[in-house]
């Protein structure tokens, strides 16, 4: 069967009736706010006329948003854009328009990584949220979650070198250059409650009222949460909530005196919590648990935050973009709830 004149329009109308989330994002986000940042990242001196015109930068950026929302590889992203009307409509493409291939998507993302653009894109959107008075600064919640990468099978000597920050000598040999390219020398193992994790950690600070992410830091998985806390705080913070993993003297020493703290108390082997401390933790948890909604959205609605990239710089970009994508989705919900 061939498409009729109104078939695509009818399909799009039906998608809207069913609730196309990408269409909802298009309805509330001014994507042009990101163009100056993207244009600067790709700026280069012209060497004369010629060459194929580049795809629109904003459209390519929206492709990366699709990737993070649906957790797709480059090849799958190319296929799904060609296959799905909702993706085409989100990107402003028609059935006859050319779709960027996987290599083009990879190159676009790689340029943004090399120019450290993720933080600038996140901060630009956060400024818009500030201007819209959606971030109250009445209270913040900090927490971290693991973002795992495929586990590696290394020898004990190789593991020792990596743990001490060295690249194993065998990997440096010319004949092993392809092996080294497939090894993530930045990811680290860690253990939490008898479970082992390998990869990176996404440390975030979220606004208590709106559940929007206001700052973040990406580290290897073995970095303790409390060490990153000072990086997340700023002079606008008034009240801080955190789980018992932050309940230690170095944390309290690092928190500025003007910030009120509600950090869950932690029991030790010789000092169990009193009934009063348990009741206090229950009260604090009612606020602190809101940060779990952020990670829950990433892991469920956004199909998880596990990574298939290699290296800390790429992990930083992917997770920063995940944080930005979450904020966009949360912004759409807040706008819809207010109307």
Protein backbone atom coordinates (compact mmCIF):
# COMPACT_ATOMS: atom_id res chain seq x y z
CA UNK A 1 0.00 0.00 0.00
CA UNK A 2 1.13 3.54 -0.72
CA UNK A 3 0.76 6.50 1.60
CA UNK A 4 -2.21 8.70 0.83
CA UNK A 5 -2.14 12.48 0.96
CA UNK A 6 -3.47 12.69 4.53
CA UNK A 7 -2.10 9.41 5.91
CA UNK A 8 0.95 10.94 7.65
CA UNK A 9 -1.14 13.78 9.08
CA UNK A 10 -3.68 11.28 10.42
CA UNK A 11 -0.89 9.24 12.00
CA UNK A 12 0.57 12.34 13.66
CA UNK A 13 -2.85 13.34 14.99
CA UNK A 14 -3.31 9.88 16.45
CA UNK A 15 0.14 10.04 18.08
CA UNK A 16 -0.84 13.35 19.67
CA UNK A 17 -4.04 11.81 21.03
CA UNK A 18 -2.09 8.91 22.52
CA UNK A 19 0.40 11.30 24.18
CA UNK A 20 3.61 11.85 22.23
CA UNK A 21 6.13 12.93 24.86
CA UNK A 22 8.54 14.35 22.29
CA UNK A 23 5.77 16.58 20.92
CA UNK A 24 5.15 17.83 24.47
CA UNK A 25 8.84 18.78 24.78
CA UNK A 26 8.68 20.66 21.49
CA UNK A 27 5.67 22.55 22.82
CA UNK A 28 7.44 24.02 25.86
CA UNK A 29 11.16 24.23 25.01
CA UNK A 30 12.72 26.99 22.93
CA UNK A 31 15.47 24.93 21.29
CA UNK A 32 17.03 28.04 19.74
CA UNK A 33 18.48 28.96 23.15
CA UNK A 34 21.14 26.29 22.54
CA UNK A 35 22.16 27.42 19.04
CA UNK A 36 24.88 29.94 20.07
CA UNK A 37 26.63 27.30 22.21
CA UNK A 38 26.43 24.67 19.48
CA UNK A 39 27.55 27.10 16.81
CA UNK A 40 30.58 28.13 18.86
CA UNK A 41 31.60 24.50 19.38
CA UNK A 42 31.64 23.94 15.60
CA UNK A 43 33.19 27.28 14.64
CA UNK A 44 36.11 27.04 12.22
CA UNK A 45 37.66 29.21 9.57
CA UNK A 46 36.24 28.78 6.09
CA UNK A 47 38.74 27.46 3.56
CA UNK A 48 36.65 28.28 0.53
CA UNK A 49 33.42 27.22 -1.11
CA UNK A 50 32.50 23.58 -1.54
CA UNK A 51 31.58 20.60 0.56
CA UNK A 52 28.23 19.23 1.61
CA UNK A 53 26.14 21.59 3.80
CA UNK A 54 26.13 20.55 7.44
CA UNK A 55 22.98 19.34 9.14
CA UNK A 56 21.31 21.92 11.34
CA UNK A 57 23.08 22.05 14.71
CA UNK A 58 19.89 22.30 16.76
CA UNK A 59 18.37 19.33 14.97
CA UNK A 60 21.53 17.29 15.65
CA UNK A 61 21.38 18.31 19.31
CA UNK A 62 17.77 17.12 19.48
CA UNK A 63 18.96 13.78 18.10
CA UNK A 64 21.29 13.49 21.11
CA UNK A 65 18.33 14.23 23.39
CA UNK A 66 16.43 11.38 21.72
CA UNK A 67 19.45 9.13 22.32
CA UNK A 68 19.60 9.89 26.02
CA UNK A 69 15.83 9.68 26.52
CA UNK A 70 15.57 6.27 24.86
CA UNK A 71 19.15 5.13 25.64
CA UNK A 72 19.91 4.29 22.00
CA UNK A 73 23.18 3.55 20.21
CA UNK A 74 24.15 5.59 17.15
CA UNK A 75 23.10 2.83 14.75
CA UNK A 76 19.78 2.31 16.51
CA UNK A 77 19.18 6.07 16.55
CA UNK A 78 19.63 6.29 12.77
CA UNK A 79 17.26 3.34 12.27
CA UNK A 80 14.60 4.61 14.66
CA UNK A 81 14.54 8.11 13.15
CA UNK A 82 13.96 6.58 9.73
CA UNK A 83 11.33 4.24 11.16
CA UNK A 84 9.33 6.39 13.59
CA UNK A 85 7.04 9.26 12.65
CA UNK A 86 7.22 10.68 16.19
CA UNK A 87 11.01 11.03 15.92
CA UNK A 88 10.75 12.71 12.51
CA UNK A 89 8.14 15.16 13.76
CA UNK A 90 10.26 16.00 16.81
CA UNK A 91 13.22 16.78 14.54
CA UNK A 92 11.18 18.64 11.94
CA UNK A 93 11.90 16.07 9.22
CA UNK A 94 9.60 14.87 6.47
CA UNK A 95 9.48 11.43 4.91
CA UNK A 96 11.58 12.62 1.97
CA UNK A 97 14.22 14.41 4.08
CA UNK A 98 17.69 12.95 4.55
CA UNK A 99 18.40 11.56 8.02
CA UNK A 100 21.91 11.86 9.55
CA UNK A 101 23.66 8.50 9.58
CA UNK A 102 25.31 6.90 12.62
CA UNK A 103 28.77 8.23 11.76
CA UNK A 104 27.44 11.78 11.48
CA UNK A 105 25.76 11.48 14.88
CA UNK A 106 29.01 10.12 16.36
CA UNK A 107 31.04 12.98 14.87
CA UNK A 108 28.62 15.65 16.11
CA UNK A 109 28.72 14.26 19.65
CA UNK A 110 32.50 13.86 19.53
CA UNK A 111 32.99 17.53 18.65
CA UNK A 112 30.81 18.54 21.60
CA UNK A 113 32.84 16.26 23.89
CA UNK A 114 36.16 17.68 22.68
CA UNK A 115 34.89 21.23 23.29
CA UNK A 116 33.49 20.40 26.76
CA UNK A 117 30.07 21.63 25.71
CA UNK A 118 27.80 19.52 27.95
CA UNK A 119 28.17 21.75 31.03
CA UNK A 120 27.45 24.86 28.95
CA UNK A 121 24.27 23.32 27.53
CA UNK A 122 23.12 22.22 31.00
CA UNK A 123 23.87 25.64 32.51
CA UNK A 124 22.03 27.43 29.71
CA UNK A 125 18.87 25.46 30.40
CA UNK A 126 19.28 25.87 34.15
CA UNK A 127 19.46 29.64 33.66
CA UNK A 128 16.16 29.49 31.81
CA UNK A 129 14.69 27.55 34.75
CA UNK A 130 16.03 30.20 37.13
CA UNK A 131 14.49 32.97 35.02
CA UNK A 132 11.17 31.13 35.13
CA UNK A 133 11.43 30.99 38.98
CA UNK A 134 11.08 27.21 38.99
CA UNK A 135 14.07 26.68 41.32
CA UNK A 136 13.19 27.85 44.82
CA UNK A 137 16.60 27.42 46.56
CA UNK A 138 14.65 26.84 49.78
CA UNK A 139 16.22 23.43 50.07
CA UNK A 140 18.45 21.00 48.19
CA UNK A 141 18.90 17.24 48.26
CA UNK A 142 22.13 15.49 47.32
CA UNK A 143 22.66 11.89 46.33
CA UNK A 144 24.50 9.74 43.78
CA UNK A 145 23.74 6.74 41.60
CA UNK A 146 25.87 4.25 39.71
CA UNK A 147 26.10 4.26 35.94
CA UNK A 148 27.64 0.96 34.97
CA UNK A 149 29.66 0.09 31.87
CA UNK A 150 30.39 -3.40 30.47
CA UNK A 151 32.64 -5.28 32.89
CA UNK A 152 36.23 -6.00 31.85
CA UNK A 153 38.14 -9.23 32.26
CA UNK A 154 41.64 -8.25 33.36
CA UNK A 155 44.45 -10.18 34.99
CA UNK A 156 45.31 -9.50 38.67
CA UNK A 157 48.40 -7.52 37.59
CA UNK A 158 46.34 -5.43 35.17
CA UNK A 159 43.76 -4.74 37.88
CA UNK A 160 46.51 -3.63 40.25
CA UNK A 161 47.96 -1.22 37.68
CA UNK A 162 44.55 0.28 36.92
CA UNK A 163 43.73 0.67 40.61
CA UNK A 164 46.97 2.61 41.08
CA UNK A 165 46.23 4.83 38.09
CA UNK A 166 48.63 3.19 35.62
CA UNK A 167 47.96 1.73 32.20
CA UNK A 168 49.27 -1.86 32.09
CA UNK A 169 52.53 -2.10 30.14
CA UNK A 170 51.24 -4.85 27.83
CA UNK A 171 48.45 -2.59 26.63
CA UNK A 172 50.92 0.08 25.52
CA UNK A 173 52.61 -2.17 22.97
CA UNK A 174 51.87 -1.27 19.32
CA UNK A 175 50.41 -4.69 18.61
CA UNK A 176 47.88 -4.17 21.43
CA UNK A 177 46.69 -0.71 20.41
CA UNK A 178 43.27 -2.08 19.38
CA UNK A 179 42.94 -3.82 22.73
CA UNK A 180 43.75 -0.60 24.58
CA UNK A 181 41.11 1.25 22.54
CA UNK A 182 38.48 -1.14 23.92
CA UNK A 183 39.62 -0.90 27.55
CA UNK A 184 38.08 1.65 29.90
CA UNK A 185 41.03 2.75 32.01
CA UNK A 186 38.96 5.34 33.93
CA UNK A 187 36.07 3.19 35.17
CA UNK A 188 36.45 1.64 38.61
CA UNK A 189 34.96 -1.15 40.71
CA UNK A 190 33.26 -0.50 44.01
CA UNK A 191 31.07 -2.44 46.41
CA UNK A 192 27.83 -1.37 48.04
CA UNK A 193 25.80 -3.69 50.27
CA UNK A 194 27.62 -6.77 48.97
CA UNK A 195 26.94 -5.79 45.34
CA UNK A 196 29.80 -4.92 42.99
CA UNK A 197 29.50 -2.06 40.50
CA UNK A 198 31.85 -1.16 37.67
CA UNK A 199 31.70 2.19 35.95
CA UNK A 200 30.94 5.72 37.03
CA UNK A 201 28.85 7.67 39.50
CA UNK A 202 26.45 10.53 38.86
CA UNK A 203 26.45 12.88 41.87
CA UNK A 204 23.57 15.36 41.77
CA UNK A 205 21.98 18.14 43.78
CA UNK A 206 18.23 18.56 43.23
CA UNK A 207 15.89 21.37 44.24
CA UNK A 208 13.60 20.16 47.03
CA UNK A 209 10.42 21.75 45.68
CA UNK A 210 10.71 21.23 41.91
CA UNK A 211 12.96 18.12 41.85
CA UNK A 212 15.05 19.80 39.14
CA UNK A 213 18.77 19.02 39.06
CA UNK A 214 20.73 22.19 39.82
CA UNK A 215 24.29 20.83 39.81
CA UNK A 216 26.12 17.57 39.27
CA UNK A 217 29.54 15.91 39.16
CA UNK A 218 30.60 12.74 37.33
CA UNK A 219 33.31 10.53 38.85
CA UNK A 220 34.57 6.94 38.72
CA UNK A 221 32.36 4.64 40.79
CA UNK A 222 34.87 4.24 43.64
CA UNK A 223 34.82 7.92 44.66
CA UNK A 224 32.86 8.30 47.95
CA UNK A 225 29.75 10.48 47.80
CA UNK A 226 30.84 12.72 50.67
CA UNK A 227 34.05 13.77 48.89
CA UNK A 228 32.08 15.40 46.06
CA UNK A 229 29.57 17.25 48.26
CA UNK A 230 31.54 20.56 48.44
CA UNK A 231 31.57 20.74 44.62
CA UNK A 232 27.76 20.63 44.54
CA UNK A 233 27.09 23.39 47.04
CA UNK A 234 27.01 27.14 46.40
CA UNK A 235 26.14 30.33 48.25
CA UNK A 236 22.45 30.12 47.26
CA UNK A 237 21.86 26.91 49.22
CA UNK A 238 19.91 27.41 52.44
CA UNK A 239 18.92 23.93 53.57
CA UNK A 240 20.45 20.55 52.75
CA UNK A 241 19.10 16.99 52.97
CA UNK A 242 21.21 13.86 52.48
CA UNK A 243 21.22 10.18 53.39
CA UNK A 244 23.35 8.57 56.09
CA UNK A 245 26.27 8.08 53.67
CA UNK A 246 27.05 11.78 54.20
CA UNK A 247 26.88 11.57 58.01
CA UNK A 248 30.52 12.08 58.93
CA UNK A 249 32.67 14.84 60.36
CA UNK A 250 34.48 15.84 57.10
CA UNK A 251 31.08 16.54 55.54
CA UNK A 252 29.86 18.77 58.36
CA UNK A 253 33.20 20.60 58.35
CA UNK A 254 32.90 21.26 54.60
CA UNK A 255 29.32 22.59 54.67
CA UNK A 256 29.17 26.41 55.00
CA UNK A 257 27.75 27.58 58.31
CA UNK A 258 24.79 29.38 56.72
CA UNK A 259 23.35 26.08 55.38
CA UNK A 260 20.97 24.20 57.67
CA UNK A 261 21.55 20.44 57.44
CA UNK A 262 19.17 17.51 57.74
CA UNK A 263 21.42 14.51 57.17
CA UNK A 264 20.17 11.09 58.22
CA UNK A 265 22.07 9.72 61.21
CA UNK A 266 23.90 6.43 60.86
CA UNK A 267 24.09 3.57 63.30
CA UNK A 268 27.38 1.83 64.05
CA UNK A 269 28.13 -1.61 65.41
CA UNK A 270 28.61 -0.33 68.94
CA UNK A 271 26.16 2.59 68.79
CA UNK A 272 22.69 1.68 67.46
CA UNK A 273 20.24 4.48 66.79
CA UNK A 274 18.03 5.61 69.65
CA UNK A 275 14.26 5.84 69.19
CA UNK A 276 14.58 9.62 69.00
CA UNK A 277 17.17 9.34 66.21
CA UNK A 278 14.98 6.87 64.33
CA UNK A 279 12.02 9.26 64.51
CA UNK A 280 14.24 12.12 63.38
CA UNK A 281 15.46 10.06 60.40
CA UNK A 282 11.85 9.27 59.45
CA UNK A 283 11.02 12.97 59.31
CA UNK A 284 14.13 13.77 57.27
CA UNK A 285 13.50 10.87 54.88
CA UNK A 286 10.15 12.28 53.80
CA UNK A 287 12.04 15.11 52.09
CA UNK A 288 15.25 13.29 51.18
CA UNK A 289 13.39 10.55 49.32
CA UNK A 290 12.35 13.05 46.63
CA UNK A 291 15.78 12.72 45.04
CA UNK A 292 15.04 9.04 44.43
CA UNK A 293 12.24 10.15 42.11
CA UNK A 294 14.90 11.77 39.92
CA UNK A 295 16.91 8.57 39.58
CA UNK A 296 13.72 6.56 39.22
CA UNK A 297 12.70 8.64 36.21
CA UNK A 298 16.12 8.15 34.61
CA UNK A 299 16.13 4.40 35.18
CA UNK A 300 12.53 3.77 34.13
CA UNK A 301 11.13 6.47 31.85
CA UNK A 302 14.54 7.09 30.26
CA UNK A 303 15.39 3.38 29.90
CA UNK A 304 18.31 3.41 32.33
CA UNK A 305 21.57 5.31 32.61
CA UNK A 306 24.04 2.49 32.02
CA UNK A 307 26.70 3.44 29.48
CA UNK A 308 28.32 1.82 26.47
CA UNK A 309 31.00 4.48 26.01
CA UNK A 310 34.66 4.28 27.06
CA UNK A 311 36.50 6.81 29.22
CA UNK A 312 35.66 9.44 31.80
CA UNK A 313 35.27 12.32 29.33
CA UNK A 314 32.65 10.46 27.32
CA UNK A 315 30.91 9.30 30.49
CA UNK A 316 30.77 12.91 31.69
CA UNK A 317 29.14 14.00 28.45
CA UNK A 318 26.57 11.20 28.39
CA UNK A 319 25.58 11.61 32.03
CA UNK A 320 25.50 15.42 31.81
CA UNK A 321 23.18 15.05 28.84
CA UNK A 322 21.07 12.57 30.84
CA UNK A 323 20.76 15.17 33.61
CA UNK A 324 19.79 17.82 31.06
CA UNK A 325 17.25 15.52 29.40
CA UNK A 326 15.72 14.75 32.79
CA UNK A 327 15.41 18.48 33.54
CA UNK A 328 13.67 19.01 30.20
CA UNK A 329 11.17 16.26 30.98
CA UNK A 330 10.62 17.59 34.49
CA UNK A 331 10.17 21.13 33.13
CA UNK A 332 7.45 19.91 30.77
CA UNK A 333 5.64 18.24 33.70
CA UNK A 334 5.88 21.40 35.84
CA UNK A 335 4.54 23.58 33.03
CA UNK A 336 1.69 21.17 32.31
CA UNK A 337 0.82 20.93 36.01
CA UNK A 338 0.66 24.73 36.32
CA UNK A 339 -1.87 25.12 33.50
